[in-house]
Amino acid sequence: MNDLDIKEKALQERAKRLEELEKEIQEKEKALKQKEKQKKQIILRLAPSLWQDIATWANDDFRSINSQIEYILTKAVKERKNRNRNNL
């Protein structure tokens, strides 16, 4: 076996390992997406005026009211995390 054959074999082994790692990453991403799809349900009581404001906003953004509330909450949580990181 010459030097070129040894290098080719090493490259093939690396390529195989990279394929395995990529497959592992894809499986982990798929599992994470599945976990995210399993949403928690809550009962939320809102003042009628707040409900109407959110409904109007949701309509403007072409979202359902539920999606709009989730959007608002997600944005608020991200902003809070950013503030906490900046305060450290």
PDB file of N, CA and C in Angstrom:
ATOM      1  N   MET A   1       0.850  -1.179   0.000  1.00  0.00           N
ATOM      2  CA  MET A   1       0.000   0.000   0.000  1.00  0.00           C
ATOM      3  C   MET A   1       0.893   1.238   0.000  1.00  0.00           C
ATOM      4  N   ASN A   2       0.714   2.083  -1.004  1.00  0.00           N
ATOM      5  CA  ASN A   2       1.560   3.270  -1.070  1.00  0.00           C
ATOM      6  C   ASN A   2       0.949   4.429  -0.279  1.00  0.00           C
ATOM      7  N   ASP A   3       1.676   5.512  -0.259  1.00  0.00           N
ATOM      8  CA  ASP A   3       1.275   6.689   0.533  1.00  0.00           C
ATOM      9  C   ASP A   3      -0.061   7.256   0.065  1.00  0.00           C
ATOM     10  N   LEU A   4      -0.284   7.259  -1.235  1.00  0.00           N
ATOM     11  CA  LEU A   4      -1.530   7.780  -1.792  1.00  0.00           C
ATOM     12  C   LEU A   4      -2.725   6.926  -1.381  1.00  0.00           C
ATOM     13  N   ASP A   5      -2.536   5.620  -1.361  1.00  0.00           N
ATOM     14  CA  ASP A   5      -3.608   4.715  -0.939  1.00  0.00           C
ATOM     15  C   ASP A   5      -3.958   4.927   0.533  1.00  0.00           C
ATOM     16  N   ILE A   6      -2.948   5.136   1.338  1.00  0.00           N
ATOM     17  CA  ILE A   6      -3.152   5.369   2.777  1.00  0.00           C
ATOM     18  C   ILE A   6      -3.948   6.660   2.989  1.00  0.00           C
ATOM     19  N   LYS A   7      -3.576   7.723   2.255  1.00  0.00           N
ATOM     20  CA  LYS A   7      -4.279   8.999   2.385  1.00  0.00           C
ATOM     21  C   LYS A   7      -5.726   8.877   1.902  1.00  0.00           C
ATOM     22  N   GLU A   8      -5.921   8.146   0.803  1.00  0.00           N
ATOM     23  CA  GLU A   8      -7.271   7.961   0.285  1.00  0.00           C
ATOM     24  C   GLU A   8      -8.144   7.204   1.279  1.00  0.00           C
ATOM     25  N   LYS A   9      -7.575   6.180   1.888  1.00  0.00           N
ATOM     26  CA  LYS A   9      -8.328   5.410   2.875  1.00  0.00           C
ATOM     27  C   LYS A   9      -8.686   6.286   4.080  1.00  0.00           C
ATOM     28  N   ALA A  10      -7.740   7.112   4.523  1.00  0.00           N
ATOM     29  CA  ALA A  10      -7.992   8.013   5.652  1.00  0.00           C
ATOM     30  C   ALA A  10      -9.107   9.004   5.301  1.00  0.00           C
ATOM     31  N   LEU A  11      -9.088   9.527   4.065  1.00  0.00           N
ATOM     32  CA  LEU A  11     -10.132  10.461   3.639  1.00  0.00           C
ATOM     33  C   LEU A  11     -11.491   9.785   3.571  1.00  0.00           C
ATOM     34  N   GLN A  12     -11.519   8.550   3.107  1.00  0.00           N
ATOM     35  CA  GLN A  12     -12.774   7.808   3.049  1.00  0.00           C
ATOM     36  C   GLN A  12     -13.334   7.574   4.448  1.00  0.00           C
ATOM     37  N   GLU A  13     -12.443   7.255   5.384  1.00  0.00           N
ATOM     38  CA  GLU A  13     -12.879   7.056   6.773  1.00  0.00           C
ATOM     39  C   GLU A  13     -13.419   8.357   7.366  1.00  0.00           C
ATOM     40  N   ARG A  14     -12.748   9.467   7.061  1.00  0.00           N
ATOM     41  CA  ARG A  14     -13.227  10.772   7.537  1.00  0.00           C
ATOM     42  C   ARG A  14     -14.593  11.092   6.947  1.00  0.00           C
ATOM     43  N   ALA A  15     -14.737  10.842   5.648  1.00  0.00           N
ATOM     44  CA  ALA A  15     -16.013  11.119   4.983  1.00  0.00           C
ATOM     45  C   ALA A  15     -17.133  10.280   5.598  1.00  0.00           C
ATOM     46  N   LYS A  16     -16.837   9.025   5.886  1.00  0.00           N
ATOM     47  CA  LYS A  16     -17.830   8.163   6.511  1.00  0.00           C
ATOM     48  C   LYS A  16     -18.209   8.682   7.890  1.00  0.00           C
ATOM     49  N   ARG A  17     -17.217   9.116   8.653  1.00  0.00           N
ATOM     50  CA  ARG A  17     -17.469   9.649   9.997  1.00  0.00           C
ATOM     51  C   ARG A  17     -18.302  10.930   9.921  1.00  0.00           C
ATOM     52  N   LEU A  18     -17.986  11.775   8.930  1.00  0.00           N
ATOM     53  CA  LEU A  18     -18.758  13.007   8.755  1.00  0.00           C
ATOM     54  C   LEU A  18     -20.216  12.701   8.409  1.00  0.00           C
ATOM     55  N   GLU A  19     -20.432  11.708   7.572  1.00  0.00           N
ATOM     56  CA  GLU A  19     -21.799  11.297   7.235  1.00  0.00           C
ATOM     57  C   GLU A  19     -22.534  10.805   8.471  1.00  0.00           C
ATOM     58  N   GLU A  20     -21.837  10.034   9.309  1.00  0.00           N
ATOM     59  CA  GLU A  20     -22.453   9.543  10.542  1.00  0.00           C
ATOM     60  C   GLU A  20     -22.805  10.692  11.478  1.00  0.00           C
ATOM     61  N   LEU A  21     -21.890  11.658  11.596  1.00  0.00           N
ATOM     62  CA  LEU A  21     -22.142  12.811  12.462  1.00  0.00           C
ATOM     63  C   LEU A  21     -23.306  13.651  11.934  1.00  0.00           C
ATOM     64  N   GLU A  22     -23.346  13.841  10.620  1.00  0.00           N
ATOM     65  CA  GLU A  22     -24.439  14.605  10.033  1.00  0.00           C
ATOM     66  C   GLU A  22     -25.776  13.917  10.268  1.00  0.00           C
ATOM     67  N   LYS A  23     -25.800  12.604  10.132  1.00  0.00           N
ATOM     68  CA  LYS A  23     -27.025  11.854  10.382  1.00  0.00           C
ATOM     69  C   LYS A  23     -27.450  11.995  11.847  1.00  0.00           C
ATOM     70  N   GLU A  24     -26.478  11.928  12.741  1.00  0.00           N
ATOM     71  CA  GLU A  24     -26.756  12.085  14.176  1.00  0.00           C
ATOM     72  C   GLU A  24     -27.331  13.471  14.468  1.00  0.00           C
ATOM     73  N   ILE A  25     -26.758  14.499  13.853  1.00  0.00           N
ATOM     74  CA  ILE A  25     -27.245  15.865  14.042  1.00  0.00           C
ATOM     75  C   ILE A  25     -28.665  16.003  13.520  1.00  0.00           C
ATOM     76  N   GLN A  26     -28.924  15.432  12.341  1.00  0.00           N
ATOM     77  CA  GLN A  26     -30.264  15.501  11.764  1.00  0.00           C
ATOM     78  C   GLN A  26     -31.287  14.806  12.657  1.00  0.00           C
ATOM     79  N   GLU A  27     -30.913  13.678  13.249  1.00  0.00           N
ATOM     80  CA  GLU A  27     -31.817  12.969  14.149  1.00  0.00           C
ATOM     81  C   GLU A  27     -32.104  13.792  15.401  1.00  0.00           C
ATOM     82  N   LYS A  28     -31.064  14.447  15.924  1.00  0.00           N
ATOM     83  CA  LYS A  28     -31.253  15.291  17.106  1.00  0.00           C
ATOM     84  C   LYS A  28     -32.141  16.494  16.784  1.00  0.00           C
ATOM     85  N   GLU A  29     -31.933  17.095  15.608  1.00  0.00           N
ATOM     86  CA  GLU A  29     -32.770  18.222  15.199  1.00  0.00           C
ATOM     87  C   GLU A  29     -34.227  17.790  15.034  1.00  0.00           C
ATOM     88  N   LYS A  30     -34.420  16.611  14.460  1.00  0.00           N
ATOM     89  CA  LYS A  30     -35.779  16.091  14.275  1.00  0.00           C
ATOM     90  C   LYS A  30     -36.453  15.865  15.622  1.00  0.00           C
ATOM     91  N   ALA A  31     -35.704  15.298  16.580  1.00  0.00           N
ATOM     92  CA  ALA A  31     -36.253  15.062  17.917  1.00  0.00           C
ATOM     93  C   ALA A  31     -36.603  16.383  18.601  1.00  0.00           C
ATOM     94  N   LEU A  32     -35.756  17.383  18.423  1.00  0.00           N
ATOM     95  CA  LEU A  32     -36.009  18.691  19.019  1.00  0.00           C
ATOM     96  C   LEU A  32     -37.259  19.328  18.412  1.00  0.00           C
ATOM     97  N   LYS A  33     -37.414  19.224  17.096  1.00  0.00           N
ATOM     98  CA  LYS A  33     -38.601  19.766  16.444  1.00  0.00           C
ATOM     99  C   LYS A  33     -39.858  19.059  16.933  1.00  0.00           C
ATOM    100  N   GLN A  34     -39.774  17.749  17.103  1.00  0.00           N
ATOM    101  CA  GLN A  34     -40.926  16.991  17.615  1.00  0.00           C
ATOM    102  C   GLN A  34     -41.293  17.461  19.016  1.00  0.00           C
ATOM    103  N   LYS A  35     -40.260  17.689  19.825  1.00  0.00           N
ATOM    104  CA  LYS A  35     -40.502  18.143  21.195  1.00  0.00           C
ATOM    105  C   LYS A  35     -41.174  19.518  21.194  1.00  0.00           C
ATOM    106  N   GLU A  36     -40.739  20.382  20.285  1.00  0.00           N
ATOM    107  CA  GLU A  36     -41.318  21.721  20.191  1.00  0.00           C
ATOM    108  C   GLU A  36     -42.765  21.674  19.724  1.00  0.00           C
ATOM    109  N   LYS A  37     -43.114  20.670  18.932  1.00  0.00           N
ATOM    110  CA  LYS A  37     -44.487  20.550  18.443  1.00  0.00           C
ATOM    111  C   LYS A  37     -45.445  20.177  19.571  1.00  0.00           C
ATOM    112  N   GLN A  38     -44.931  19.563  20.613  1.00  0.00           N
ATOM    113  CA  GLN A  38     -45.767  19.152  21.737  1.00  0.00           C
ATOM    114  C   GLN A  38     -45.958  20.351  22.662  1.00  0.00           C
ATOM    115  N   LYS A  39     -46.916  21.170  22.329  1.00  0.00           N
ATOM    116  CA  LYS A  39     -47.118  22.409  23.072  1.00  0.00           C
ATOM    117  C   LYS A  39     -47.972  22.174  24.304  1.00  0.00           C
ATOM    118  N   LYS A  40     -47.725  22.973  25.304  1.00  0.00           N
ATOM    119  CA  LYS A  40     -48.495  22.934  26.536  1.00  0.00           C
ATOM    120  C   LYS A  40     -49.746  23.784  26.370  1.00  0.00           C
ATOM    121  N   GLN A  41     -50.822  23.337  26.935  1.00  0.00           N
ATOM    122  CA  GLN A  41     -52.061  24.093  26.895  1.00  0.00           C
ATOM    123  C   GLN A  41     -52.263  24.794  28.228  1.00  0.00           C
ATOM    124  N   ILE A  42     -52.737  26.025  28.143  1.00  0.00           N
ATOM    125  CA  ILE A  42     -53.042  26.780  29.364  1.00  0.00           C
ATOM    126  C   ILE A  42     -54.391  27.466  29.193  1.00  0.00           C
ATOM    127  N   ILE A  43     -54.989  27.777  30.296  1.00  0.00           N
ATOM    128  CA  ILE A  43     -56.203  28.590  30.287  1.00  0.00           C
ATOM    129  C   ILE A  43     -55.748  30.011  30.571  1.00  0.00           C
ATOM    130  N   LEU A  44     -56.159  30.917  29.711  1.00  0.00           N
ATOM    131  CA  LEU A  44     -55.731  32.308  29.837  1.00  0.00           C
ATOM    132  C   LEU A  44     -56.966  33.201  29.846  1.00  0.00           C
ATOM    133  N   ARG A  45     -57.090  33.966  30.901  1.00  0.00           N
ATOM    134  CA  ARG A  45     -58.218  34.894  31.000  1.00  0.00           C
ATOM    135  C   ARG A  45     -57.709  36.299  30.690  1.00  0.00           C
ATOM    136  N   LEU A  46     -58.371  36.955  29.742  1.00  0.00           N
ATOM    137  CA  LEU A  46     -57.968  38.297  29.331  1.00  0.00           C
ATOM    138  C   LEU A  46     -59.166  39.232  29.396  1.00  0.00           C
ATOM    139  N   ALA A  47     -58.882  40.483  29.653  1.00  0.00           N
ATOM    140  CA  ALA A  47     -59.929  41.506  29.579  1.00  0.00           C
ATOM    141  C   ALA A  47     -60.398  41.583  28.128  1.00  0.00           C
ATOM    142  N   PRO A  48     -61.687  41.818  27.926  1.00  0.00           N
ATOM    143  CA  PRO A  48     -62.203  41.893  26.555  1.00  0.00           C
ATOM    144  C   PRO A  48     -61.470  42.922  25.677  1.00  0.00           C
ATOM    145  N   SER A  49     -61.092  44.039  26.266  1.00  0.00           N
ATOM    146  CA  SER A  49     -60.392  45.070  25.479  1.00  0.00           C
ATOM    147  C   SER A  49     -58.999  44.580  25.044  1.00  0.00           C
ATOM    148  N   LEU A  50     -58.309  43.869  25.944  1.00  0.00           N
ATOM    149  CA  LEU A  50     -57.001  43.323  25.589  1.00  0.00           C
ATOM    150  C   LEU A  50     -57.158  42.242  24.521  1.00  0.00           C
ATOM    151  N   TRP A  51     -58.168  41.402  24.678  1.00  0.00           N
ATOM    152  CA  TRP A  51     -58.454  40.370  23.679  1.00  0.00           C
ATOM    153  C   TRP A  51     -58.673  41.011  22.305  1.00  0.00           C
ATOM    154  N   GLN A  52     -59.445  42.073  22.269  1.00  0.00           N
ATOM    155  CA  GLN A  52     -59.742  42.738  21.000  1.00  0.00           C
ATOM    156  C   GLN A  52     -58.478  43.353  20.398  1.00  0.00           C
ATOM    157  N   ASP A  53     -57.645  43.964  21.242  1.00  0.00           N
ATOM    158  CA  ASP A  53     -56.386  44.540  20.740  1.00  0.00           C
ATOM    159  C   ASP A  53     -55.487  43.457  20.150  1.00  0.00           C
ATOM    160  N   ILE A  54     -55.388  42.321  20.831  1.00  0.00           N
ATOM    161  CA  ILE A  54     -54.564  41.215  20.331  1.00  0.00           C
ATOM    162  C   ILE A  54     -55.166  40.636  19.051  1.00  0.00           C
ATOM    163  N   ALA A  55     -56.490  40.528  19.012  1.00  0.00           N
ATOM    164  CA  ALA A  55     -57.157  40.009  17.810  1.00  0.00           C
ATOM    165  C   ALA A  55     -56.898  40.917  16.609  1.00  0.00           C
ATOM    166  N   THR A  56     -56.957  42.217  16.820  1.00  0.00           N
ATOM    167  CA  THR A  56     -56.688  43.173  15.743  1.00  0.00           C
ATOM    168  C   THR A  56     -55.247  43.064  15.273  1.00  0.00           C
ATOM    169  N   TRP A  57     -54.333  42.999  16.236  1.00  0.00           N
ATOM    170  CA  TRP A  57     -52.899  42.872  15.928  1.00  0.00           C
ATOM    171  C   TRP A  57     -52.647  41.571  15.166  1.00  0.00           C
ATOM    172  N   ALA A  58     -53.248  40.488  15.623  1.00  0.00           N
ATOM    173  CA  ALA A  58     -53.082  39.194  14.967  1.00  0.00           C
ATOM    174  C   ALA A  58     -53.580  39.264  13.527  1.00  0.00           C
ATOM    175  N   ASN A  59     -54.717  39.895  13.340  1.00  0.00           N
ATOM    176  CA  ASN A  59     -55.266  40.044  11.994  1.00  0.00           C
ATOM    177  C   ASN A  59     -54.316  40.849  11.103  1.00  0.00           C
ATOM    178  N   ASP A  60     -53.742  41.911  11.651  1.00  0.00           N
ATOM    179  CA  ASP A  60     -52.792  42.736  10.896  1.00  0.00           C
ATOM    180  C   ASP A  60     -51.553  41.930  10.483  1.00  0.00           C
ATOM    181  N   ASP A  61     -51.146  41.000  11.350  1.00  0.00           N
ATOM    182  CA  ASP A  61     -49.948  40.182  11.098  1.00  0.00           C
ATOM    183  C   ASP A  61     -50.270  38.844  10.427  1.00  0.00           C
ATOM    184  N   PHE A  62     -51.546  38.652  10.047  1.00  0.00           N
ATOM    185  CA  PHE A  62     -51.990  37.401   9.410  1.00  0.00           C
ATOM    186  C   PHE A  62     -51.688  36.176  10.268  1.00  0.00           C
ATOM    187  N   ARG A  63     -51.963  36.308  11.568  1.00  0.00           N
ATOM    188  CA  ARG A  63     -51.777  35.201  12.514  1.00  0.00           C
ATOM    189  C   ARG A  63     -53.097  34.921  13.213  1.00  0.00           C
ATOM    190  N   SER A  64     -53.179  33.723  13.779  1.00  0.00           N
ATOM    191  CA  SER A  64     -54.305  33.435  14.661  1.00  0.00           C
ATOM    192  C   SER A  64     -54.048  34.166  15.983  1.00  0.00           C
ATOM    193  N   ILE A  65     -55.093  34.294  16.772  1.00  0.00           N
ATOM    194  CA  ILE A  65     -54.915  34.949  18.076  1.00  0.00           C
ATOM    195  C   ILE A  65     -53.953  34.137  18.934  1.00  0.00           C
ATOM    196  N   ASN A  66     -54.084  32.826  18.907  1.00  0.00           N
ATOM    197  CA  ASN A  66     -53.190  31.971  19.679  1.00  0.00           C
ATOM    198  C   ASN A  66     -51.733  32.173  19.250  1.00  0.00           C
ATOM    199  N   SER A  67     -51.500  32.183  17.935  1.00  0.00           N
ATOM    200  CA  SER A  67     -50.137  32.380  17.430  1.00  0.00           C
ATOM    201  C   SER A  67     -49.604  33.758  17.803  1.00  0.00           C
ATOM    202  N   GLN A  68     -50.481  34.744  17.802  1.00  0.00           N
ATOM    203  CA  GLN A  68     -50.060  36.093  18.162  1.00  0.00           C
ATOM    204  C   GLN A  68     -49.649  36.158  19.628  1.00  0.00           C
ATOM    205  N   ILE A  69     -50.426  35.527  20.487  1.00  0.00           N
ATOM    206  CA  ILE A  69     -50.079  35.506  21.919  1.00  0.00           C
ATOM    207  C   ILE A  69     -48.748  34.790  22.113  1.00  0.00           C
ATOM    208  N   GLU A  70     -48.543  33.671  21.412  1.00  0.00           N
ATOM    209  CA  GLU A  70     -47.271  32.951  21.515  1.00  0.00           C
ATOM    210  C   GLU A  70     -46.119  33.822  21.007  1.00  0.00           C
ATOM    211  N   TYR A  71     -46.346  34.541  19.909  1.00  0.00           N
ATOM    212  CA  TYR A  71     -45.335  35.448  19.365  1.00  0.00           C
ATOM    213  C   TYR A  71     -44.959  36.519  20.395  1.00  0.00           C
ATOM    214  N   ILE A  72     -45.974  37.133  20.997  1.00  0.00           N
ATOM    215  CA  ILE A  72     -45.735  38.193  21.990  1.00  0.00           C
ATOM    216  C   ILE A  72     -44.944  37.652  23.182  1.00  0.00           C
ATOM    217  N   LEU A  73     -45.356  36.491  23.671  1.00  0.00           N
ATOM    218  CA  LEU A  73     -44.669  35.899  24.822  1.00  0.00           C
ATOM    219  C   LEU A  73     -43.234  35.508  24.480  1.00  0.00           C
ATOM    220  N   THR A  74     -43.021  34.924  23.309  1.00  0.00           N
ATOM    221  CA  THR A  74     -41.671  34.532  22.889  1.00  0.00           C
ATOM    222  C   THR A  74     -40.769  35.747  22.793  1.00  0.00           C
ATOM    223  N   LYS A  75     -41.284  36.803  22.190  1.00  0.00           N
ATOM    224  CA  LYS A  75     -40.508  38.041  22.055  1.00  0.00           C
ATOM    225  C   LYS A  75     -40.162  38.621  23.429  1.00  0.00           C
ATOM    226  N   ALA A  76     -41.112  38.619  24.333  1.00  0.00           N
ATOM    227  CA  ALA A  76     -40.888  39.159  25.673  1.00  0.00           C
ATOM    228  C   ALA A  76     -39.829  38.341  26.424  1.00  0.00           C
ATOM    229  N   VAL A  77     -39.887  37.026  26.298  1.00  0.00           N
ATOM    230  CA  VAL A  77     -38.910  36.164  26.978  1.00  0.00           C
ATOM    231  C   VAL A  77     -37.514  36.399  26.412  1.00  0.00           C
ATOM    232  N   LYS A  78     -37.386  36.505  25.090  1.00  0.00           N
ATOM    233  CA  LYS A  78     -36.077  36.770  24.465  1.00  0.00           C
ATOM    234  C   LYS A  78     -35.515  38.107  24.938  1.00  0.00           C
ATOM    235  N   GLU A  79     -36.367  39.136  24.975  1.00  0.00           N
ATOM    236  CA  GLU A  79     -35.918  40.450  25.433  1.00  0.00           C
ATOM    237  C   GLU A  79     -35.458  40.398  26.890  1.00  0.00           C
ATOM    238  N   ARG A  80     -36.178  39.672  27.714  1.00  0.00           N
ATOM    239  CA  ARG A  80     -35.794  39.541  29.123  1.00  0.00           C
ATOM    240  C   ARG A  80     -34.451  38.827  29.259  1.00  0.00           C
ATOM    241  N   LYS A  81     -34.268  37.747  28.496  1.00  0.00           N
ATOM    242  CA  LYS A  81     -32.983  37.032  28.535  1.00  0.00           C
ATOM    243  C   LYS A  81     -31.839  37.929  28.108  1.00  0.00           C
ATOM    244  N   ASN A  82     -32.072  38.728  27.063  1.00  0.00           N
ATOM    245  CA  ASN A  82     -31.033  39.653  26.592  1.00  0.00           C
ATOM    246  C   ASN A  82     -30.705  40.699  27.653  1.00  0.00           C
ATOM    247  N   ARG A  83     -31.729  41.228  28.299  1.00  0.00           N
ATOM    248  CA  ARG A  83     -31.483  42.209  29.368  1.00  0.00           C
ATOM    249  C   ARG A  83     -30.696  41.585  30.506  1.00  0.00           C
ATOM    250  N   ASN A  84     -31.057  40.361  30.885  1.00  0.00           N
ATOM    251  CA  ASN A  84     -30.354  39.695  31.977  1.00  0.00           C
ATOM    252  C   ASN A  84     -28.904  39.437  31.620  1.00  0.00           C
ATOM    253  N   ARG A  85     -28.629  39.058  30.359  1.00  0.00           N
ATOM    254  CA  ARG A  85     -27.236  38.834  29.932  1.00  0.00           C
ATOM    255  C   ARG A  85     -26.452  40.124  29.948  1.00  0.00           C
ATOM    256  N   ASN A  86     -27.095  41.201  29.538  1.00  0.00           N
ATOM    257  CA  ASN A  86     -26.411  42.496  29.484  1.00  0.00           C
ATOM    258  C   ASN A  86     -26.150  43.063  30.875  1.00  0.00           C
ATOM    259  N   ASN A  87     -26.940  42.651  31.848  1.00  0.00           N
ATOM    260  CA  ASN A  87     -26.785  43.157  33.216  1.00  0.00           C
ATOM    261  C   ASN A  87     -25.726  42.389  33.998  1.00  0.00           C
ATOM    262  N   LEU A  88     -25.247  41.292  33.463  1.00  0.00           N
ATOM    263  CA  LEU A  88     -24.233  40.501  34.178  1.00  0.00           C
ATOM    264  C   LEU A  88     -22.876  41.108  34.093  1.00  0.00           C
TER     265      LEU A  88
END
